[in-house]
Amino acid sequence: MRHYSLGKFWPTIGFLNVFFLIYAFVPLVYYSVRIARQDLSGFWITIPNVAIAFAYSFGLIRQYFSTQAVAVPTSAYAVIFLGMAAYLYYHCQPENLRTVVLLLATGIFFLVISVPILFSQHWITVFWSLQGVVLLWAATRLHHQSLRDAALLLLLIALGKFVVYDYPGVFHLQVEKMLYGSGFAKQLLERWATSALVLVTLFRSARMLGATPPMNVIGGGKLHSMLDATCGALLFLVLNVETATFFHDYALSARFAAISVLWALLAIALMVLGFFRNSKAMRYCSIALFAMTLLKIFLRDMANVRTPYRILSFMVLGMFLIGASYLYHRYKARILPASSAEN
C-alpha cells in the first residue's frame, strides 16, 4: 500500500487480479483432479479472496478511471463465479450442493451490485427483477431455503423501488393530482415495459413456488399465494394509475367514470378466475371490489361526473353485477356441496 502510486496502476491491477484468479480456480482444479470428491471445504477460500480483490480493485479503478468503470471487474467476478457454480452443479455429489449455492450467491451478488453501476433509473428495477426470478429458479432447483429467501428479498426490493422511487422520481408521477408531470405519452414505453416486466417476474415467481414442494419453513406453502396477491395488487395499482393519468390528459370529465368501469372490469375478471380456479379468496375479493365500486359511484361519481358518464357507469356496473350473479347461479355446483346446490 505504501509502495503504490498512480503511475503503477496497470501492473498493480494486473497482479492483484492474477492472485484473485489463482485463489479462485485452485480449489476447482484441486477438486477436478481428485479421485474422491467428497470434501469441498477448500472453496470457502474464495470468499476472503474475492472480498480483498474487489476492495482493492474498487479503490484503484475509481481513482484511476471512474466509479462506472468498477463494473468491469464486478461483471467479470460474476461471470467467473457463476461459471464455477454451473460446472460444480453438473459434476459434484448431491451432498455438496451447498458449495454450488455459495458460488452462485457470490456471482449473483456481483451481478446485483453491477447493475446500479452500469445502469440508472428504472433499468435497475428491470435487472433486479430479472435477477430475482433467476435466483429463485436456482433456489427451487437446488431446494435451498436461504437462496429462495434472498431471491424473494431481491424481488421485493425491486417492487418497492418501482412503486416508491420509479413512479414519482423517474416517471414524474404527481400522486396528489394523479398525473404525470411530463405528460402521459412521455416515457410511455419505458413505463409500460418496466411495469410489465415487474408483473411478469412476480407472476412467474409465484408459479415456480406453486409448482415445487414447500420448503421446511413456517408458511412456506403459502408463499406462492402471497406472491399472487402481491402481483394482483400491483396490477390493480398500475391500471388505476395509467387510467387516471390518461383520462386526466385526454378526457378529464370522464376520469372518475373510467376508473369505476375499470374497477367493475377487474371485479368481473376476479370473479371469473375465482370460478375457474375454484378460489374462494378471489370471489370474495371480487365481491369486495364490486362493493367499493358501488360506494364510489354513489358517493363520488354522482357529484363529480357529468350525466352521460354517470349513466354509463351505472349501466356498465349493472351489466357486470348481472353477469356475476349468473356466474354464481351457473357454477354453484363447484362451490357448494351437492345437497346445498340442489336446494
Protein backbone atom coordinates (compact mmCIF):
# COMPACT_ATOMS: atom_id res chain seq x y z
CA MET A 1 0.00 0.00 0.00
CA ARG A 2 2.88 2.42 0.77
CA HIS A 3 4.69 1.47 -2.43
CA TYR A 4 1.70 2.14 -4.76
CA SER A 5 1.37 5.32 -6.81
CA LEU A 6 -1.00 6.28 -9.61
CA GLY A 7 1.62 5.61 -12.26
CA LYS A 8 1.78 1.95 -11.21
CA PHE A 9 -1.91 1.31 -11.77
CA TRP A 10 -1.69 -1.24 -14.58
CA PRO A 11 0.89 -3.62 -13.05
CA THR A 12 -0.84 -3.34 -9.69
CA ILE A 13 -4.34 -4.12 -11.01
CA GLY A 14 -2.87 -6.89 -13.16
CA PHE A 15 -1.06 -8.67 -10.34
CA LEU A 16 -3.99 -8.13 -7.99
CA ASN A 17 -6.35 -9.99 -10.30
CA VAL A 18 -3.78 -12.67 -11.15
CA PHE A 19 -3.70 -13.50 -7.45
CA PHE A 20 -7.51 -13.39 -7.39
CA LEU A 21 -7.71 -15.89 -10.26
CA ILE A 22 -5.19 -18.22 -8.60
CA TYR A 23 -7.17 -18.44 -5.36
CA ALA A 24 -10.47 -18.62 -7.26
CA PHE A 25 -9.51 -21.53 -9.52
CA VAL A 26 -7.12 -23.57 -7.35
CA PRO A 27 -9.98 -25.16 -5.32
CA LEU A 28 -11.81 -26.00 -8.57
CA VAL A 29 -8.71 -27.56 -10.14
CA TYR A 30 -7.92 -29.45 -6.93
CA TYR A 31 -11.46 -30.81 -6.85
CA SER A 32 -11.36 -31.77 -10.55
CA VAL A 33 -8.15 -33.85 -10.35
CA ARG A 34 -9.09 -35.70 -7.17
CA ILE A 35 -10.48 -39.20 -7.41
CA ALA A 36 -12.57 -38.96 -4.23
CA ARG A 37 -14.68 -35.82 -4.48
CA GLN A 38 -16.37 -35.62 -1.12
CA ASP A 39 -14.71 -32.61 0.51
CA LEU A 40 -15.36 -29.16 -1.00
CA SER A 41 -14.30 -27.11 2.03
CA GLY A 42 -11.48 -25.51 0.03
CA PHE A 43 -13.96 -23.35 -1.86
CA TRP A 44 -14.54 -21.20 1.23
CA ILE A 45 -11.18 -19.53 0.50
CA THR A 46 -12.92 -17.79 -2.43
CA ILE A 47 -14.91 -15.52 -0.08
CA PRO A 48 -11.99 -13.61 1.55
CA ASN A 49 -10.17 -13.82 -1.78
CA VAL A 50 -12.87 -12.02 -3.73
CA ALA A 51 -13.50 -9.58 -0.86
CA ILE A 52 -9.86 -8.45 -0.88
CA ALA A 53 -9.65 -8.34 -4.68
CA PHE A 54 -12.86 -6.37 -5.03
CA ALA A 55 -11.99 -3.89 -2.28
CA TYR A 56 -8.61 -3.04 -3.83
CA SER A 57 -9.95 -3.06 -7.41
CA PHE A 58 -12.75 -0.70 -6.41
CA GLY A 59 -10.35 1.81 -4.88
CA LEU A 60 -7.76 1.60 -7.66
CA ILE A 61 -10.19 1.79 -10.59
CA ARG A 62 -12.31 4.55 -9.10
CA GLN A 63 -9.20 6.67 -8.55
CA TYR A 64 -7.68 5.97 -11.98
CA PHE A 65 -10.88 5.97 -14.10
CA SER A 66 -14.33 6.45 -12.52
CA THR A 67 -16.90 4.65 -10.40
CA GLN A 68 -18.68 3.39 -13.53
CA ALA A 69 -15.51 1.56 -14.62
CA VAL A 70 -15.73 -0.58 -11.47
CA ALA A 71 -18.46 -2.52 -13.30
CA VAL A 72 -15.75 -4.23 -15.37
CA PRO A 73 -14.27 -6.31 -12.52
CA THR A 74 -17.63 -6.85 -10.81
CA SER A 75 -19.13 -8.22 -14.02
CA ALA A 76 -16.04 -10.39 -14.57
CA TYR A 77 -16.23 -11.73 -11.00
CA ALA A 78 -19.91 -12.55 -11.51
CA VAL A 79 -19.19 -14.49 -14.72
CA ILE A 80 -16.35 -16.43 -13.06
CA PHE A 81 -18.37 -17.49 -10.01
CA LEU A 82 -21.49 -18.32 -11.99
CA GLY A 83 -19.38 -20.41 -14.36
CA MET A 84 -17.80 -22.32 -11.47
CA ALA A 85 -21.23 -22.85 -9.90
CA ALA A 86 -22.57 -24.27 -13.18
CA TYR A 87 -19.56 -26.60 -13.51
CA LEU A 88 -19.92 -27.93 -9.96
CA TYR A 89 -23.68 -28.33 -10.30
CA TYR A 90 -23.19 -30.89 -13.06
CA HIS A 91 -20.14 -32.63 -11.53
CA CYS A 92 -20.38 -32.60 -7.74
CA GLN A 93 -22.13 -35.02 -5.39
CA PRO A 94 -25.64 -34.09 -4.14
CA GLU A 95 -24.37 -33.62 -0.57
CA ASN A 96 -22.02 -30.87 -1.79
CA LEU A 97 -24.67 -28.64 -3.34
CA ARG A 98 -24.11 -26.09 -0.55
CA THR A 99 -20.84 -25.18 -2.28
CA VAL A 100 -22.74 -24.60 -5.52
CA VAL A 101 -25.07 -22.31 -3.58
CA LEU A 102 -22.06 -20.44 -2.14
CA LEU A 103 -20.59 -19.79 -5.59
CA LEU A 104 -23.97 -19.00 -7.11
CA ALA A 105 -24.80 -16.50 -4.36
CA THR A 106 -21.40 -14.82 -4.81
CA GLY A 107 -21.94 -14.49 -8.55
CA ILE A 108 -25.46 -13.10 -8.12
CA PHE A 109 -24.15 -10.64 -5.51
CA PHE A 110 -21.69 -9.16 -8.01
CA LEU A 111 -24.39 -9.02 -10.67
CA VAL A 112 -26.67 -7.13 -8.28
CA ILE A 113 -24.05 -4.51 -7.46
CA SER A 114 -23.00 -4.22 -11.11
CA VAL A 115 -26.47 -3.14 -12.21
CA PRO A 116 -26.62 0.26 -10.42
CA ILE A 117 -23.04 0.95 -11.52
CA LEU A 118 -23.79 0.28 -15.19
CA PHE A 119 -27.39 1.46 -15.38
CA SER A 120 -29.65 4.05 -13.79
CA GLN A 121 -33.28 4.89 -13.08
CA HIS A 122 -35.86 2.25 -14.00
CA TRP A 123 -33.32 -0.07 -15.64
CA ILE A 124 -32.08 -1.00 -12.17
CA THR A 125 -35.60 -2.21 -11.36
CA VAL A 126 -35.73 -4.22 -14.58
CA PHE A 127 -32.46 -6.06 -14.00
CA TRP A 128 -33.06 -6.63 -10.28
CA SER A 129 -36.42 -8.21 -11.13
CA LEU A 130 -34.82 -10.49 -13.71
CA GLN A 131 -32.03 -11.44 -11.33
CA GLY A 132 -34.58 -12.18 -8.60
CA VAL A 133 -36.58 -14.60 -10.72
CA VAL A 134 -33.39 -16.32 -12.00
CA LEU A 135 -32.13 -16.69 -8.42
CA LEU A 136 -35.50 -18.11 -7.38
CA TRP A 137 -35.31 -20.61 -10.23
CA ALA A 138 -31.90 -21.71 -8.98
CA ALA A 139 -33.22 -21.97 -5.41
CA THR A 140 -36.09 -24.22 -6.48
CA ARG A 141 -33.70 -26.42 -8.46
CA LEU A 142 -31.31 -26.70 -5.52
CA HIS A 143 -34.11 -26.80 -2.89
CA HIS A 144 -32.24 -24.21 -0.86
CA GLN A 145 -34.28 -22.12 1.57
CA SER A 146 -31.77 -19.29 2.16
CA LEU A 147 -31.27 -18.82 -1.56
CA ARG A 148 -35.04 -18.69 -2.03
CA ASP A 149 -35.38 -16.08 0.71
CA ALA A 150 -32.65 -13.98 -0.91
CA ALA A 151 -34.47 -14.17 -4.25
CA LEU A 152 -37.76 -13.09 -2.68
CA LEU A 153 -35.99 -10.23 -0.89
CA LEU A 154 -34.47 -9.05 -4.18
CA LEU A 155 -37.90 -9.20 -5.86
CA LEU A 156 -39.45 -7.18 -3.03
CA ILE A 157 -36.65 -4.60 -3.23
CA ALA A 158 -37.26 -4.24 -6.98
CA LEU A 159 -41.01 -3.94 -6.37
CA GLY A 160 -40.52 -1.34 -3.65
CA LYS A 161 -38.15 0.68 -5.83
CA PHE A 162 -40.66 0.63 -8.69
CA VAL A 163 -43.56 1.86 -6.57
CA VAL A 164 -41.79 4.23 -4.18
CA TYR A 165 -38.98 5.64 -6.35
CA ASP A 166 -39.58 4.99 -10.07
CA TYR A 167 -43.14 6.31 -10.25
CA PRO A 168 -42.51 9.70 -8.58
CA GLY A 169 -38.77 10.08 -9.22
CA VAL A 170 -38.23 8.62 -12.71
CA PHE A 171 -41.65 8.89 -14.35
CA HIS A 172 -42.63 12.12 -12.51
CA LEU A 173 -45.96 10.91 -11.15
CA GLN A 174 -47.71 13.54 -9.03
CA VAL A 175 -49.65 11.33 -6.66
CA GLU A 176 -51.88 14.06 -5.21
CA LYS A 177 -53.19 15.12 -8.64
CA MET A 178 -52.73 11.68 -10.23
CA LEU A 179 -50.96 12.95 -13.33
CA TYR A 180 -47.53 12.71 -14.93
CA GLY A 181 -45.61 15.97 -14.74
CA SER A 182 -44.10 15.40 -18.18
CA GLY A 183 -47.37 14.18 -19.73
CA PHE A 184 -48.93 10.74 -20.19
CA ALA A 185 -47.21 9.99 -23.51
CA LYS A 186 -43.74 10.90 -22.25
CA GLN A 187 -41.74 7.78 -21.21
CA LEU A 188 -44.78 5.65 -22.08
CA LEU A 189 -42.82 2.69 -23.46
CA GLU A 190 -40.29 2.71 -20.61
CA ARG A 191 -43.06 2.91 -18.03
CA TRP A 192 -45.17 0.15 -19.52
CA ALA A 193 -42.18 -2.10 -20.18
CA THR A 194 -40.97 -1.74 -16.58
CA SER A 195 -44.47 -2.35 -15.20
CA ALA A 196 -44.98 -5.41 -17.39
CA LEU A 197 -41.62 -6.93 -16.52
CA VAL A 198 -42.10 -6.50 -12.76
CA LEU A 199 -45.57 -8.04 -13.04
CA VAL A 200 -44.30 -10.95 -15.16
CA THR A 201 -41.44 -11.72 -12.76
CA LEU A 202 -43.81 -11.72 -9.78
CA PHE A 203 -46.29 -13.93 -11.61
CA ARG A 204 -43.59 -16.32 -12.81
CA SER A 205 -42.08 -16.49 -9.33
CA ALA A 206 -45.46 -17.40 -7.87
CA ARG A 207 -45.86 -20.16 -10.45
CA MET A 208 -42.42 -21.57 -9.66
CA LEU A 209 -43.13 -21.63 -5.92
CA GLY A 210 -46.52 -23.21 -6.52
CA ALA A 211 -45.04 -25.95 -8.70
CA THR A 212 -42.37 -27.00 -6.18
CA PRO A 213 -42.87 -28.71 -2.80
CA PRO A 214 -42.90 -26.21 0.08
CA MET A 215 -39.57 -25.96 1.87
CA ASN A 216 -39.20 -26.57 5.56
CA VAL A 217 -40.25 -23.14 6.76
CA ILE A 218 -43.30 -21.71 8.51
CA GLY A 219 -45.81 -20.59 5.92
CA GLY A 220 -43.65 -21.93 3.10
CA GLY A 221 -46.65 -23.42 1.31
CA LYS A 222 -48.41 -20.03 1.25
CA LEU A 223 -45.63 -18.04 -0.34
CA HIS A 224 -46.92 -18.53 -3.86
CA SER A 225 -50.37 -17.28 -2.76
CA MET A 226 -48.76 -14.21 -1.21
CA LEU A 227 -46.86 -13.53 -4.44
CA ASP A 228 -50.08 -13.97 -6.42
CA ALA A 229 -51.79 -11.43 -4.17
CA THR A 230 -48.84 -9.03 -4.48
CA CYS A 231 -48.92 -9.36 -8.27
CA GLY A 232 -52.67 -8.69 -8.30
CA ALA A 233 -52.30 -5.64 -6.05
CA LEU A 234 -49.54 -4.24 -8.28
CA LEU A 235 -51.65 -4.84 -11.40
CA PHE A 236 -54.56 -3.00 -9.74
CA LEU A 237 -52.26 -0.08 -8.86
CA VAL A 238 -50.69 0.16 -12.34
CA LEU A 239 -54.03 0.03 -14.15
CA ASN A 240 -55.51 2.70 -11.87
CA VAL A 241 -52.52 5.00 -12.30
CA GLU A 242 -52.43 4.61 -16.08
CA THR A 243 -56.20 5.05 -16.45
CA ALA A 244 -56.35 8.11 -14.18
CA THR A 245 -53.38 9.82 -15.84
CA PHE A 246 -54.59 9.05 -19.37
CA PHE A 247 -58.06 10.50 -18.79
CA HIS A 248 -56.59 13.48 -16.94
CA ASP A 249 -54.70 14.44 -20.11
CA TYR A 250 -57.25 13.50 -22.76
CA ALA A 251 -60.76 13.33 -21.21
CA LEU A 252 -60.78 14.89 -17.77
CA SER A 253 -64.55 14.88 -17.33
CA ALA A 254 -64.71 11.10 -17.84
CA ARG A 255 -61.89 10.21 -15.44
CA PHE A 256 -63.99 9.17 -12.43
CA ALA A 257 -66.37 7.14 -14.60
CA ALA A 258 -63.45 5.44 -16.35
CA ILE A 259 -61.97 4.35 -13.03
CA SER A 260 -65.35 2.97 -11.95
CA VAL A 261 -65.63 0.98 -15.18
CA LEU A 262 -62.08 -0.28 -14.65
CA TRP A 263 -62.93 -1.47 -11.13
CA ALA A 264 -66.02 -3.25 -12.43
CA LEU A 265 -63.98 -4.95 -15.17
CA LEU A 266 -61.38 -6.10 -12.65
CA ALA A 267 -64.10 -7.34 -10.32
CA ILE A 268 -65.71 -9.47 -13.02
CA ALA A 269 -62.26 -10.77 -14.08
CA LEU A 270 -61.60 -11.79 -10.46
CA MET A 271 -64.99 -13.46 -10.34
CA VAL A 272 -64.30 -15.47 -13.50
CA LEU A 273 -60.85 -16.51 -12.21
CA GLY A 274 -62.38 -17.39 -8.86
CA PHE A 275 -64.78 -19.82 -10.51
CA PHE A 276 -62.16 -21.14 -12.93
CA ARG A 277 -59.68 -21.88 -10.11
CA ASN A 278 -62.39 -22.59 -7.54
CA SER A 279 -60.81 -19.91 -5.32
CA LYS A 280 -62.96 -18.56 -2.52
CA ALA A 281 -60.45 -15.74 -1.86
CA MET A 282 -60.71 -14.45 -5.44
CA ARG A 283 -64.51 -14.49 -5.33
CA TYR A 284 -64.55 -12.62 -2.03
CA CYS A 285 -62.11 -10.05 -3.42
CA SER A 286 -64.37 -9.65 -6.44
CA ILE A 287 -67.42 -9.02 -4.24
CA ALA A 288 -65.44 -6.53 -2.13
CA LEU A 289 -64.32 -4.69 -5.28
CA PHE A 290 -67.93 -4.59 -6.53
CA ALA A 291 -68.95 -3.08 -3.19
CA MET A 292 -66.16 -0.48 -3.41
CA THR A 293 -67.28 0.37 -6.94
CA LEU A 294 -70.88 0.86 -5.82
CA LEU A 295 -69.81 3.12 -2.97
CA LYS A 296 -67.54 5.11 -5.29
CA ILE A 297 -70.31 5.63 -7.85
CA PHE A 298 -72.86 6.77 -5.26
CA LEU A 299 -70.56 8.84 -3.06
CA ARG A 300 -68.03 10.26 -5.57
CA ASP A 301 -69.16 9.89 -9.17
CA MET A 302 -72.65 11.28 -8.60
CA ALA A 303 -71.13 14.61 -7.54
CA ASN A 304 -68.13 14.80 -9.88
CA VAL A 305 -69.17 13.14 -13.16
CA ARG A 306 -71.34 14.57 -15.91
CA THR A 307 -74.69 12.93 -16.60
CA PRO A 308 -73.70 10.88 -19.71
CA TYR A 309 -70.68 9.35 -17.97
CA ARG A 310 -72.70 8.78 -14.81
CA ILE A 311 -75.32 6.88 -16.80
CA LEU A 312 -72.56 4.86 -18.46
CA SER A 313 -71.09 3.94 -15.07
CA PHE A 314 -74.43 2.69 -13.80
CA MET A 315 -75.15 0.72 -16.98
CA VAL A 316 -71.75 -0.99 -17.06
CA LEU A 317 -71.82 -1.80 -13.35
CA GLY A 318 -75.38 -3.13 -13.63
CA MET A 319 -74.45 -5.44 -16.50
CA PHE A 320 -71.42 -6.73 -14.62
CA LEU A 321 -73.45 -7.38 -11.48
CA ILE A 322 -75.99 -9.34 -13.52
CA GLY A 323 -73.11 -11.28 -15.09
CA ALA A 324 -71.65 -12.04 -11.65
CA SER A 325 -74.99 -13.30 -10.36
CA TYR A 326 -75.31 -15.52 -13.45
CA LEU A 327 -71.86 -16.98 -12.77
CA TYR A 328 -72.84 -17.83 -9.22
CA HIS A 329 -76.03 -19.49 -10.46
CA ARG A 330 -74.30 -21.30 -13.34
CA TYR A 331 -71.35 -22.68 -11.34
CA LYS A 332 -72.87 -23.07 -7.89
CA ALA A 333 -72.14 -26.81 -8.00
CA ARG A 334 -68.40 -26.01 -7.92
CA ILE A 335 -68.54 -24.01 -4.71
CA LEU A 336 -71.36 -25.67 -2.77
CA PRO A 337 -71.91 -29.22 -1.55
CA ALA A 338 -74.23 -31.31 -3.72
CA SER A 339 -77.22 -31.10 -1.35
CA SER A 340 -76.92 -27.31 -0.98
CA ALA A 341 -76.56 -26.85 -4.73
CA GLU A 342 -79.76 -28.80 -5.38
CA ASN A 343 -81.65 -26.75 -2.77
